[in-house]
Each structure stands twice: as C-alpha cells, then as structure tokens.
N, C-alpha and C. Protein backbone atom coordinates (compact mmCIF):
# COMPACT_ATOMS: atom_id res chain seq x y z
N MET A 1 123.92 107.02 80.29
CA MET A 1 122.55 106.96 80.30
C MET A 1 122.37 105.85 81.40
N TYR A 2 123.04 104.85 81.23
CA TYR A 2 122.84 103.36 82.21
C TYR A 2 122.64 103.80 83.56
N LEU A 3 123.82 104.34 83.76
CA LEU A 3 124.24 104.88 85.25
C LEU A 3 123.06 106.12 85.77
N CYS A 4 122.89 106.37 85.10
CA CYS A 4 121.91 107.74 85.44
C CYS A 4 120.35 106.74 85.43
N LEU A 5 120.07 106.04 84.64
CA LEU A 5 118.73 105.36 84.81
C LEU A 5 118.82 104.44 86.42
N MET A 6 119.97 103.71 86.51
CA MET A 6 119.76 103.14 87.91
C MET A 6 120.04 103.99 88.92
N LYS A 7 120.50 105.23 88.89
CA LYS A 7 120.64 106.16 90.07
C LYS A 7 118.96 106.54 90.35
N SER A 8 118.35 106.72 89.35
CA SER A 8 117.00 107.38 89.29
C SER A 8 116.16 106.31 89.82
N ILE A 9 116.45 105.02 89.66
CA ILE A 9 115.37 103.82 90.23
C ILE A 9 115.75 103.73 91.51
N TYR A 10 117.22 103.51 91.79
CA TYR A 10 117.29 103.27 93.28
C TYR A 10 117.16 104.43 94.27
N PHE A 11 117.09 106.02 93.68
CA PHE A 11 116.69 106.89 94.42
C PHE A 11 115.23 107.05 94.54
N ASP A 12 114.29 106.51 93.60
CA ASP A 12 113.20 106.39 93.60
C ASP A 12 112.55 105.27 95.06
N PHE A 13 113.44 104.12 94.61
CA PHE A 13 113.07 103.16 95.61
C PHE A 13 113.36 103.47 97.10
N LEU A 14 114.60 104.28 97.05
CA LEU A 14 114.81 105.19 98.62
C LEU A 14 113.89 105.96 98.99
N ARG A 15 113.48 106.87 98.00
CA ARG A 15 111.93 108.04 98.39
C ARG A 15 111.08 107.05 98.90
N LYS A 16 110.63 106.02 98.07
CA LYS A 16 109.59 105.20 98.55
C LYS A 16 109.87 104.34 99.83
N LEU A 17 111.03 103.93 100.07
CA LEU A 17 111.24 102.80 101.37
C LEU A 17 111.25 103.65 102.53
N ILE A 18 111.87 105.26 102.50
CA ILE A 18 111.81 106.29 103.46
C ILE A 18 110.35 106.50 104.16
N ILE A 19 109.13 106.69 102.86
CA ILE A 19 108.07 107.01 103.26
C ILE A 19 107.09 105.84 103.87
N PHE A 20 107.47 104.62 102.98
CA PHE A 20 107.13 103.38 103.99
C PHE A 20 107.75 103.48 105.36
N SER A 21 108.70 103.76 105.66
CA SER A 21 109.60 103.45 107.06
C SER A 21 109.11 104.66 107.99
N VAL A 22 108.62 105.78 107.71
CA VAL A 22 107.91 106.55 108.34
C VAL A 22 106.51 106.48 108.62
N ILE A 23 105.59 105.67 107.71
CA ILE A 23 104.44 105.16 107.92
C ILE A 23 104.43 104.03 109.07
N LEU A 24 105.31 103.22 108.77
CA LEU A 24 105.63 102.26 109.93
C LEU A 24 106.11 102.43 111.31
N SER A 25 106.89 103.67 110.98
CA SER A 25 106.97 104.56 112.49
C SER A 25 105.75 105.21 113.35
N PHE A 26 105.09 106.08 112.58
CA PHE A 26 103.76 106.24 113.03
C PHE A 26 102.72 105.21 113.72
N ILE A 27 102.56 104.30 113.04
CA ILE A 27 101.84 103.08 113.82
C ILE A 27 102.64 102.59 114.59
N ALA A 28 104.01 102.35 114.92
CA ALA A 28 104.72 102.05 115.94
C ALA A 28 104.37 102.97 117.40
N ILE A 29 104.38 104.26 116.90
CA ILE A 29 104.20 105.25 117.99
C ILE A 29 102.79 105.26 118.36
N GLY A 30 102.04 104.99 117.71
CA GLY A 30 100.61 104.79 117.99
C GLY A 30 100.70 103.65 119.00
N LEU A 31 100.96 102.50 118.66
CA LEU A 31 101.29 101.41 119.48
C LEU A 31 101.55 101.73 120.86
N LEU A 32 102.72 102.61 120.84
CA LEU A 32 103.49 102.94 122.09
C LEU A 32 102.27 103.31 123.30
N PHE A 33 101.09 104.09 122.73
CA PHE A 33 99.86 104.75 123.53
C PHE A 33 99.08 103.99 123.75
N LEU A 34 98.87 102.66 122.61
CA LEU A 34 97.76 101.63 122.89
C LEU A 34 98.15 100.65 123.79
N LEU A 35 99.41 99.93 123.92
CA LEU A 35 99.93 98.70 124.48
C LEU A 35 100.54 99.25 125.62
N PRO A 36 100.79 98.38 126.42
CA PRO A 36 101.47 98.47 127.89
C PRO A 36 103.01 98.26 127.27
N LYS A 37 103.80 99.02 128.13
CA LYS A 37 105.06 99.21 128.02
C LYS A 37 105.86 97.91 127.54
N ALA A 38 105.23 96.64 128.34
CA ALA A 38 106.16 95.28 128.21
C ALA A 38 105.94 95.12 126.81
N TYR A 39 105.00 95.24 126.11
CA TYR A 39 104.74 95.00 125.10
C TYR A 39 105.59 95.29 123.68
N ILE A 40 106.52 96.48 124.12
CA ILE A 40 107.28 97.15 123.00
C ILE A 40 108.75 96.95 123.49
N THR A 41 109.33 96.60 122.43
CA THR A 41 110.89 96.54 122.64
C THR A 41 111.45 98.01 122.84
N PRO A 42 112.57 98.23 123.65
CA PRO A 42 112.99 99.61 123.77
C PRO A 42 114.11 99.68 122.57
N VAL A 43 114.26 99.14 121.82
CA VAL A 43 115.25 98.76 120.52
C VAL A 43 114.63 98.93 119.50
N LEU A 44 113.10 99.10 119.33
CA LEU A 44 112.31 99.29 118.01
C LEU A 44 112.73 100.45 117.32
N PRO A 45 113.48 101.56 117.61
CA PRO A 45 113.96 102.37 116.58
C PRO A 45 115.10 101.98 115.75
N PHE A 46 115.93 101.08 116.34
CA PHE A 46 117.34 100.75 116.15
C PHE A 46 116.62 99.51 114.91
N LEU A 47 115.56 98.85 115.23
CA LEU A 47 115.20 98.03 114.13
C LEU A 47 114.86 98.55 112.67
N PHE A 48 114.05 99.38 113.06
CA PHE A 48 113.89 100.37 111.73
C PHE A 48 114.83 100.40 111.13
N ILE A 49 116.02 101.33 111.44
CA ILE A 49 117.23 101.62 110.96
C ILE A 49 117.95 100.28 110.45
N PHE A 50 117.90 99.31 111.04
CA PHE A 50 118.45 97.79 110.82
C PHE A 50 117.88 97.40 109.08
N PHE A 51 116.63 97.18 109.35
CA PHE A 51 115.74 96.83 108.17
C PHE A 51 115.81 97.61 107.03
N LEU A 52 115.77 98.87 107.36
CA LEU A 52 116.00 100.06 106.03
C LEU A 52 117.24 100.03 105.60
N THR A 53 118.09 99.70 106.26
CA THR A 53 119.52 99.59 105.64
C THR A 53 119.88 97.91 105.07
N ILE A 54 119.22 97.39 105.64
CA ILE A 54 119.69 95.98 104.84
C ILE A 54 118.70 95.89 103.62
N THR A 55 117.62 96.34 103.52
CA THR A 55 116.40 96.51 102.52
C THR A 55 117.35 97.35 101.20
N LEU A 56 117.83 98.42 101.76
CA LEU A 56 118.45 99.32 100.55
C LEU A 56 119.55 98.49 100.03
N ILE A 57 120.59 97.94 100.81
CA ILE A 57 121.61 97.23 100.30
C ILE A 57 121.04 96.07 99.54
N SER A 58 120.37 95.20 99.97
CA SER A 58 119.97 93.96 99.15
C SER A 58 119.32 94.60 97.74
N TYR A 59 118.51 95.67 97.60
CA TYR A 59 117.60 96.03 96.57
C TYR A 59 118.64 96.81 95.54
N TYR A 60 119.69 97.24 96.05
CA TYR A 60 120.94 97.82 95.37
C TYR A 60 121.68 96.85 94.66
N ILE A 61 122.09 95.85 95.32
CA ILE A 61 122.77 94.89 94.83
C ILE A 61 121.78 94.12 93.82
N LEU A 62 120.49 93.93 94.22
CA LEU A 62 119.78 93.14 92.68
C LEU A 62 119.15 94.04 91.87
N ILE A 63 119.45 95.36 91.64
CA ILE A 63 119.13 96.22 90.58
C ILE A 63 120.28 96.20 89.92
N LYS A 64 121.61 96.12 90.42
CA LYS A 64 122.67 95.94 89.66
C LYS A 64 122.83 94.69 88.92
N ALA A 65 122.54 93.75 89.49
CA ALA A 65 122.55 92.49 88.92
C ALA A 65 121.62 92.21 87.78
N ALA A 66 120.33 92.80 87.93
CA ALA A 66 119.36 92.82 86.92
C ALA A 66 119.66 93.45 85.63
N GLN A 67 120.67 94.24 85.52
CA GLN A 67 120.92 95.21 84.24
C GLN A 67 121.71 94.14 83.63
N LYS A 68 122.06 93.05 83.92
CA LYS A 68 123.14 92.40 83.41
C LYS A 68 122.54 91.06 82.32
N LYS A 69 122.27 90.18 83.54
CA LYS A 69 121.26 88.62 82.77
C LYS A 69 120.35 88.69 83.81
N PHE A 70 119.12 88.03 83.37
CA PHE A 70 118.34 87.67 84.07
C PHE A 70 118.61 86.32 85.05
N ILE A 71 119.62 85.37 84.37
CA ILE A 71 119.85 84.30 85.35
C ILE A 71 120.70 84.64 86.32
N ARG A 72 121.76 86.07 85.94
CA ARG A 72 122.34 86.40 87.18
C ARG A 72 121.89 87.28 88.43
N PHE A 73 120.64 87.88 87.85
CA PHE A 73 119.34 88.70 88.74
C PHE A 73 119.04 87.40 89.70
N LEU A 74 118.63 86.23 89.03
CA LEU A 74 118.19 85.12 89.97
C LEU A 74 119.04 84.52 90.98
N ASN A 75 120.35 84.38 90.64
CA ASN A 75 121.39 84.33 91.48
C ASN A 75 121.52 85.01 92.50
N TYR A 76 121.78 86.25 92.11
CA TYR A 76 121.96 87.22 93.29
C TYR A 76 120.55 87.21 94.10
N TYR A 77 119.45 87.17 93.78
CA TYR A 77 118.27 87.19 94.74
C TYR A 77 118.38 86.06 95.64
N LEU A 78 118.66 85.01 95.06
CA LEU A 78 118.71 84.04 96.25
C LEU A 78 119.78 83.95 96.65
N LEU A 79 121.07 84.17 96.45
CA LEU A 79 122.47 84.80 97.22
C LEU A 79 121.93 85.87 98.59
N THR A 80 121.33 86.82 98.18
CA THR A 80 120.89 88.16 99.05
C THR A 80 119.71 87.44 100.11
N THR A 81 118.93 86.81 99.67
CA THR A 81 117.83 86.12 100.50
C THR A 81 118.36 85.26 101.55
N THR A 82 118.95 84.34 101.06
CA THR A 82 119.94 83.38 102.02
C THR A 82 120.70 84.20 103.03
N VAL A 83 121.69 84.95 102.41
CA VAL A 83 122.37 85.77 103.36
C VAL A 83 121.77 86.61 104.29
N LYS A 84 120.58 87.66 103.97
CA LYS A 84 119.57 88.40 104.72
C LYS A 84 119.08 87.45 106.00
N LEU A 85 118.77 86.30 105.74
CA LEU A 85 118.12 85.24 106.38
C LEU A 85 119.21 84.98 107.61
N LEU A 86 120.28 84.33 107.10
CA LEU A 86 121.07 84.20 108.08
C LEU A 86 121.52 85.31 108.98
N LEU A 87 121.60 86.56 108.30
CA LEU A 87 122.08 87.38 109.42
C LEU A 87 120.80 87.67 110.15
N PHE A 88 119.75 87.75 110.08
CA PHE A 88 118.45 87.84 110.54
C PHE A 88 118.51 86.84 111.72
N ILE A 89 118.42 85.99 111.54
CA ILE A 89 118.27 84.93 112.37
C ILE A 89 119.77 85.15 113.81
N VAL A 90 120.88 85.50 112.98
CA VAL A 90 121.97 85.42 113.92
C VAL A 90 121.72 86.78 115.20
N VAL A 91 121.00 88.00 114.37
CA VAL A 91 120.88 89.24 115.02
C VAL A 91 119.55 88.77 115.81
N LEU A 92 118.70 87.77 115.63
CA LEU A 92 117.48 87.69 116.71
C LEU A 92 118.15 86.56 117.72
N ILE A 93 118.70 85.83 117.40
CA ILE A 93 119.13 84.85 118.37
C ILE A 93 120.42 85.62 119.48
N THR A 94 121.16 86.37 118.80
CA THR A 94 122.13 86.92 119.74
C THR A 94 121.37 88.28 120.76
N TYR A 95 120.45 88.66 120.24
CA TYR A 95 119.69 89.65 120.85
C TYR A 95 119.07 88.98 122.09
N ILE A 96 118.37 88.11 121.91
CA ILE A 96 117.17 86.92 122.76
C ILE A 96 118.14 86.71 123.87
N MET A 97 119.70 86.21 123.62
CA MET A 97 120.30 85.25 124.22
C MET A 97 120.78 86.27 125.37
N LEU A 98 121.17 87.59 125.03
CA LEU A 98 121.88 88.60 125.48
C LEU A 98 120.63 89.54 126.43
N ASN A 99 119.57 89.46 126.05
CA ASN A 99 118.34 90.22 126.64
C ASN A 99 116.91 89.48 126.88
N ARG A 100 117.40 88.54 128.00
CA ARG A 100 115.94 87.32 127.87
C ARG A 100 114.72 88.01 128.43
N LYS A 101 114.76 89.05 128.95
CA LYS A 101 113.75 89.81 129.66
C LYS A 101 112.89 90.62 128.14
N ASP A 102 113.40 90.92 127.47
CA ASP A 102 112.91 91.37 125.92
C ASP A 102 112.91 90.56 125.02
N ALA A 103 112.67 89.22 125.26
CA ALA A 103 112.84 88.47 124.18
C ALA A 103 111.66 88.47 123.51
N VAL A 104 110.26 88.39 124.13
CA VAL A 104 109.11 88.21 123.27
C VAL A 104 108.75 89.71 122.46
N PRO A 105 109.04 90.61 123.25
CA PRO A 105 108.65 91.63 122.54
C PRO A 105 109.62 91.98 121.35
N PHE A 106 110.84 91.58 121.34
CA PHE A 106 111.67 92.04 120.39
C PHE A 106 111.44 91.10 119.51
N ALA A 107 111.19 89.91 119.66
CA ALA A 107 111.17 88.91 118.65
C ALA A 107 109.72 89.17 117.66
N LEU A 108 108.99 89.59 118.45
CA LEU A 108 107.61 89.73 117.64
C LEU A 108 107.72 91.05 116.90
N SER A 109 108.57 92.02 117.65
CA SER A 109 108.78 93.36 116.67
C SER A 109 109.74 93.11 115.28
N PHE A 110 110.64 92.11 115.89
CA PHE A 110 111.30 91.80 114.50
C PHE A 110 110.71 91.08 113.47
N PHE A 111 109.72 90.27 113.97
CA PHE A 111 109.11 89.72 112.82
C PHE A 111 108.02 90.46 112.31
N ILE A 112 107.49 91.02 112.81
CA ILE A 112 106.44 92.01 111.94
C ILE A 112 107.19 93.01 111.10
N LEU A 113 108.27 93.47 111.44
CA LEU A 113 109.09 94.28 110.81
C LEU A 113 110.02 93.54 109.57
N TYR A 114 110.30 92.55 109.93
CA TYR A 114 110.68 91.65 108.89
C TYR A 114 109.53 91.30 107.52
N LEU A 115 108.42 90.91 108.00
CA LEU A 115 107.14 90.77 106.95
C LEU A 115 107.07 91.95 106.30
N CYS A 116 106.93 93.14 106.94
CA CYS A 116 106.54 94.43 106.51
C CYS A 116 107.41 94.75 105.24
N TYR A 117 109.12 94.44 105.75
CA TYR A 117 109.91 95.18 104.70
C TYR A 117 110.05 94.09 103.66
N THR A 118 110.04 92.72 103.99
CA THR A 118 110.43 91.78 103.03
C THR A 118 109.14 92.07 101.72
N ILE A 119 107.93 91.91 102.26
CA ILE A 119 107.01 92.30 101.12
C ILE A 119 106.87 93.62 100.76
N PHE A 120 107.57 94.67 101.10
CA PHE A 120 107.81 96.00 100.28
C PHE A 120 108.82 95.75 99.27
N GLU A 121 109.99 95.12 99.73
CA GLU A 121 110.69 94.84 99.18
C GLU A 121 110.71 93.93 97.64
N VAL A 122 109.75 92.85 97.79
CA VAL A 122 109.58 91.99 96.86
C VAL A 122 108.66 92.65 95.86
N VAL A 123 107.64 93.54 96.27
CA VAL A 123 106.71 94.25 95.51
C VAL A 123 107.41 95.16 94.63
N SER A 124 108.54 95.71 95.34
CA SER A 124 109.37 96.61 94.25
C SER A 124 110.11 96.02 93.54
N ILE A 125 110.77 95.07 94.03
CA ILE A 125 111.46 94.03 92.64
C ILE A 125 110.95 93.31 91.92
N VAL A 126 109.49 93.12 91.86
CA VAL A 126 108.49 92.53 90.92
C VAL A 126 108.18 93.73 89.91
N GLY A 127 107.92 94.89 90.40
CA GLY A 127 107.49 96.02 89.73
C GLY A 127 109.09 96.70 88.69
N TYR A 128 110.02 96.28 89.47
CA TYR A 128 111.23 96.98 88.49
C TYR A 128 111.70 95.57 87.48
N SER A 129 111.20 94.37 87.84
CA SER A 129 111.73 93.63 86.64
C SER A 129 110.37 93.60 85.54
N LYS A 130 109.42 93.99 86.04
CA LYS A 130 108.29 94.07 85.02
C LYS A 130 108.52 95.35 83.95
N THR A 131 109.31 96.49 84.60
CA THR A 131 109.74 97.68 83.82
C THR A 131 111.12 96.91 83.09
N ILE A 132 111.79 96.24 82.98
CA ILE A 132 112.78 96.12 82.61
C ILE A 132 112.34 94.90 81.37
N GLN A 133 111.48 94.14 81.56
CA GLN A 133 110.92 93.44 80.30
C GLN A 133 110.06 94.06 79.45
N LYS A 134 109.81 95.21 79.95
CA LYS A 134 109.16 96.31 78.62
C LYS A 134 110.00 96.63 77.93
C-alpha cells in the first residue's frame, strides 16, 4: 500500500509537471513570435528538459524522505536545494563561458525557468506535506 501510494503521488506530480511545462512552452513559443530572435536563446528547449528532469528527481527524493521522519525530510530538502543550486550555478557559468554571445538571453531564460520551476516545486511540496500531516 505504501509503495502504491507513493507511486500515485509521484505520477500525479509528474502529470502536473508535464502540464506546467507544456504551458510554459506555449508561452515561450508565443514569445518567439513577439520578441526579436536575439532575445531568445537557441537552447531554450533543452532548458525545459533540464529543469523538468531536475525537478522530478528532487521531488522523488523528497517524497521518499518524507515517508520516514520529518527531520529526515528537512535534511533532504536542504541537501537537494543546495545540490541543485550548485548544479545550476555550474551549468550557468559553464554555458556562459563557452557561449559569450548567447550569455544574456541564456541567463535570462535560465533565471525565469528557475523561478517558475522552483515555485512549482515548493507549492507541490507544501501541498504534499499538508496531506502527510492529515
């Protein structure tokens, strides 16, 4: 039962995350038509895949940790947040160093997607923690 419940929660999150990503993708496609090409990074589709993957992995780790003890969940939350931030900084700096012409559009796209996916993940985790407390 425990495993089935966890799979259900995870797949529900996956469904919501894919819907969220599709909505963000349509907004990005709309911006492609509105903004000059110089303002849009050519790696934007890969950024969506990157953030979707990182969000899925971190959410899985967190719901697995939340099933045990709250302090363990808290430790894992802090650890995953730290690791994600370090990974994001490394990706951001590496890409900017290798592609200086695309630095500003990439950094702006990266930052916007980072905010969107972080807010989505935090809202989902808070909602999940409220269901656990009940």
